[in-house]
Amino acid sequence: MSKNKNKSIIIDALNNNPLTHTTMNDTTLFLAQIMGPTLAAFGLGIIFSPKHYSDIYKNMEKAALTLMFMTMTMIVAGMAVVLKHFMWGSFAEIVVTVVGLAMLIKGIMFAIMPNTLLKLTKTVVSNGLIQFGGILWLLGGGYLCWVGFLA
C-alpha cells in the first residue's frame, strides 16, 4: 500500500468519527466557539475558586435585580439557541442544543419559581457539589472549544 493511501484511510476514519466529524453546520461551529470558552472559563473558575462561586450562589437572592436580569438573559439566549439550532445529528449538535435547552429551562424555572430554585442551588452548594458542576462545565466547554477551534 502506498504512503498516500495510508494517509487517506486515516483521514477517512477521522472524518467518520461522530466526535470529530468535519462537515459541521456553520451555526453549530459558531455556537461552539462562543459556548466553549465561556463554559470552560467558568468551569475553571468554579474548580479553582469554589468559595467565590459558592458565595455568589448563596447570596443570589440578595441581588434581586441581578437575578431578574440573569433570568431574562438565560431565557433570551436559550430561546435564540433553540430557535436557530434545534439539531440532534452529530454529538456536537447535541451538546450545543442541550446547552441551549438548559439555559432556556433554567431561565424559565427562575422566572416561575425563583425561591425553589434558589433553595436547590443552596443545597447543591452546601453539599460540596459545586466543584462537580465545575468539572462538568469544564468538560463541556473543553469539548466545544475542541470542536469549535481544533477539529
Protein backbone atom coordinates (compact mmCIF):
# COMPACT_ATOMS: atom_id res chain seq x y z
CA MET A 1 0.00 0.00 0.00
CA SER A 2 1.34 3.45 -0.84
CA LYS A 3 2.08 6.10 1.73
CA ASN A 4 -0.68 8.41 0.41
CA LYS A 5 -3.25 5.60 0.51
CA ASN A 6 -2.48 5.04 4.23
CA LYS A 7 -2.97 8.75 4.93
CA SER A 8 -6.33 8.79 3.16
CA ILE A 9 -7.52 5.76 5.17
CA ILE A 10 -6.62 7.55 8.43
CA ILE A 11 -8.31 10.77 7.30
CA ASP A 12 -11.44 8.83 6.27
CA ALA A 13 -11.54 7.15 9.69
CA LEU A 14 -11.29 10.54 11.43
CA ASN A 15 -13.99 12.06 9.21
CA ASN A 16 -16.41 9.25 10.07
CA ASN A 17 -15.86 9.63 13.81
CA PRO A 18 -19.06 11.23 15.25
CA LEU A 19 -16.97 13.21 17.77
CA THR A 20 -14.74 14.82 15.13
CA HIS A 21 -16.90 14.89 12.02
CA THR A 22 -15.59 17.78 9.94
CA THR A 23 -18.70 18.65 7.93
CA MET A 24 -20.14 20.69 10.75
CA ASN A 25 -23.05 23.05 10.40
CA ASP A 26 -21.91 26.71 10.45
CA THR A 27 -24.33 27.53 13.27
CA THR A 28 -23.02 24.64 15.37
CA LEU A 29 -19.45 25.81 14.80
CA PHE A 30 -20.32 29.43 15.69
CA LEU A 31 -22.17 28.48 18.87
CA ALA A 32 -19.44 26.01 19.89
CA GLN A 33 -16.90 28.84 19.54
CA ILE A 34 -18.98 31.07 21.82
CA MET A 35 -20.15 28.48 24.36
CA GLY A 36 -16.89 26.54 24.60
CA PRO A 37 -14.60 29.24 26.03
CA THR A 38 -17.41 30.59 28.24
CA LEU A 39 -18.21 27.21 29.81
CA ALA A 40 -14.52 26.31 30.13
CA ALA A 41 -13.66 29.62 31.82
CA PHE A 42 -16.46 29.31 34.36
CA GLY A 43 -15.66 25.64 34.89
CA LEU A 44 -12.04 26.50 35.71
CA GLY A 45 -13.21 29.36 37.92
CA ILE A 46 -15.50 27.07 39.90
CA ILE A 47 -12.81 24.40 40.24
CA PHE A 48 -10.06 26.80 41.38
CA SER A 49 -12.20 29.30 43.33
CA PRO A 50 -15.12 27.27 44.72
CA LYS A 51 -15.60 29.57 47.73
CA HIS A 52 -16.01 32.61 45.48
CA TYR A 53 -18.71 30.90 43.40
CA SER A 54 -20.34 29.35 46.47
CA ASP A 55 -20.65 32.83 47.99
CA ILE A 56 -22.21 34.14 44.77
CA TYR A 57 -24.79 31.34 44.72
CA LYS A 58 -25.51 31.65 48.47
CA ASN A 59 -26.14 35.40 48.16
CA MET A 60 -28.10 35.37 44.91
CA GLU A 61 -31.44 36.21 46.49
CA LYS A 62 -29.97 39.42 47.96
CA ALA A 63 -29.39 40.76 44.44
CA ALA A 64 -32.96 40.59 43.09
CA LEU A 65 -32.35 42.90 40.12
CA THR A 66 -29.27 40.94 39.09
CA LEU A 67 -31.22 37.69 39.42
CA MET A 68 -34.02 39.11 37.26
CA PHE A 69 -31.55 40.27 34.59
CA MET A 70 -29.78 36.88 34.68
CA THR A 71 -33.15 35.13 34.30
CA MET A 72 -34.15 37.22 31.29
CA THR A 73 -30.72 36.73 29.71
CA MET A 74 -30.93 32.95 30.13
CA ILE A 75 -34.39 32.84 28.56
CA VAL A 76 -33.39 35.03 25.59
CA ALA A 77 -30.10 33.20 24.98
CA GLY A 78 -31.75 29.80 25.40
CA MET A 79 -34.58 30.73 23.03
CA ALA A 80 -32.08 32.01 20.45
CA VAL A 81 -30.17 28.72 20.52
CA VAL A 82 -33.29 26.55 20.49
CA LEU A 83 -34.94 28.50 17.66
CA LYS A 84 -31.82 28.66 15.49
CA HIS A 85 -30.15 25.38 16.47
CA PHE A 86 -32.53 22.57 17.42
CA MET A 87 -30.28 19.90 15.88
CA TRP A 88 -29.69 16.33 17.00
CA GLY A 89 -27.47 14.91 14.23
CA SER A 90 -23.88 14.93 15.45
CA PHE A 91 -22.57 14.82 19.01
CA ALA A 92 -21.51 18.49 18.73
CA GLU A 93 -25.01 19.47 17.60
CA ILE A 94 -26.50 17.58 20.53
CA VAL A 95 -24.18 19.29 23.06
CA VAL A 96 -24.94 22.77 21.68
CA THR A 97 -28.68 22.07 21.64
CA VAL A 98 -28.63 20.67 25.19
CA VAL A 99 -26.74 23.74 26.48
CA GLY A 100 -29.34 25.98 24.81
CA LEU A 101 -32.22 23.97 26.27
CA ALA A 102 -30.58 24.04 29.71
CA MET A 103 -30.30 27.84 29.56
CA LEU A 104 -33.93 28.15 28.50
CA ILE A 105 -35.28 25.72 31.10
CA LYS A 106 -33.21 27.21 33.93
CA GLY A 107 -34.30 30.73 32.94
CA ILE A 108 -37.97 29.74 32.85
CA MET A 109 -37.64 27.95 36.21
CA PHE A 110 -36.04 31.05 37.77
CA ALA A 111 -38.87 33.18 36.36
CA ILE A 112 -41.66 30.90 37.59
CA MET A 113 -40.30 29.55 40.89
CA PRO A 114 -37.21 31.52 41.92
CA ASN A 115 -37.36 30.59 45.62
CA THR A 116 -37.48 26.86 44.90
CA LEU A 117 -34.56 27.08 42.51
CA LEU A 118 -32.57 29.25 44.95
CA LYS A 119 -33.11 26.63 47.69
CA LEU A 120 -31.99 23.88 45.33
CA THR A 121 -28.91 25.90 44.38
CA LYS A 122 -28.04 26.43 48.05
CA THR A 123 -28.41 22.69 48.68
CA VAL A 124 -26.05 21.87 45.82
CA VAL A 125 -23.51 24.44 47.05
CA SER A 126 -23.74 23.39 50.71
CA ASN A 127 -23.25 19.71 49.81
CA GLY A 128 -19.98 20.50 48.08
CA LEU A 129 -21.29 19.58 44.65
CA ILE A 130 -20.25 22.89 43.14
CA GLN A 131 -16.85 21.55 42.07
CA PHE A 132 -18.53 18.59 40.37
CA GLY A 133 -20.57 21.16 38.42
CA GLY A 134 -17.34 23.00 37.59
CA ILE A 135 -15.86 19.77 36.21
CA LEU A 136 -18.95 19.23 34.03
CA TRP A 137 -18.74 22.83 32.75
CA LEU A 138 -15.03 22.40 32.02
CA LEU A 139 -15.59 19.11 30.18
CA GLY A 140 -18.43 20.52 28.11
CA GLY A 141 -16.57 23.75 27.42
CA GLY A 142 -13.37 21.88 26.58
CA TYR A 143 -15.22 19.67 24.13
CA LEU A 144 -16.91 22.65 22.48
CA CYS A 145 -13.56 24.52 22.27
CA TRP A 146 -12.01 21.48 20.64
CA VAL A 147 -14.90 21.17 18.17
CA GLY A 148 -15.06 24.91 17.52
CA PHE A 149 -11.38 25.64 17.10
CA LEU A 150 -9.38 22.45 16.58
CA ALA A 151 -11.44 19.69 14.93
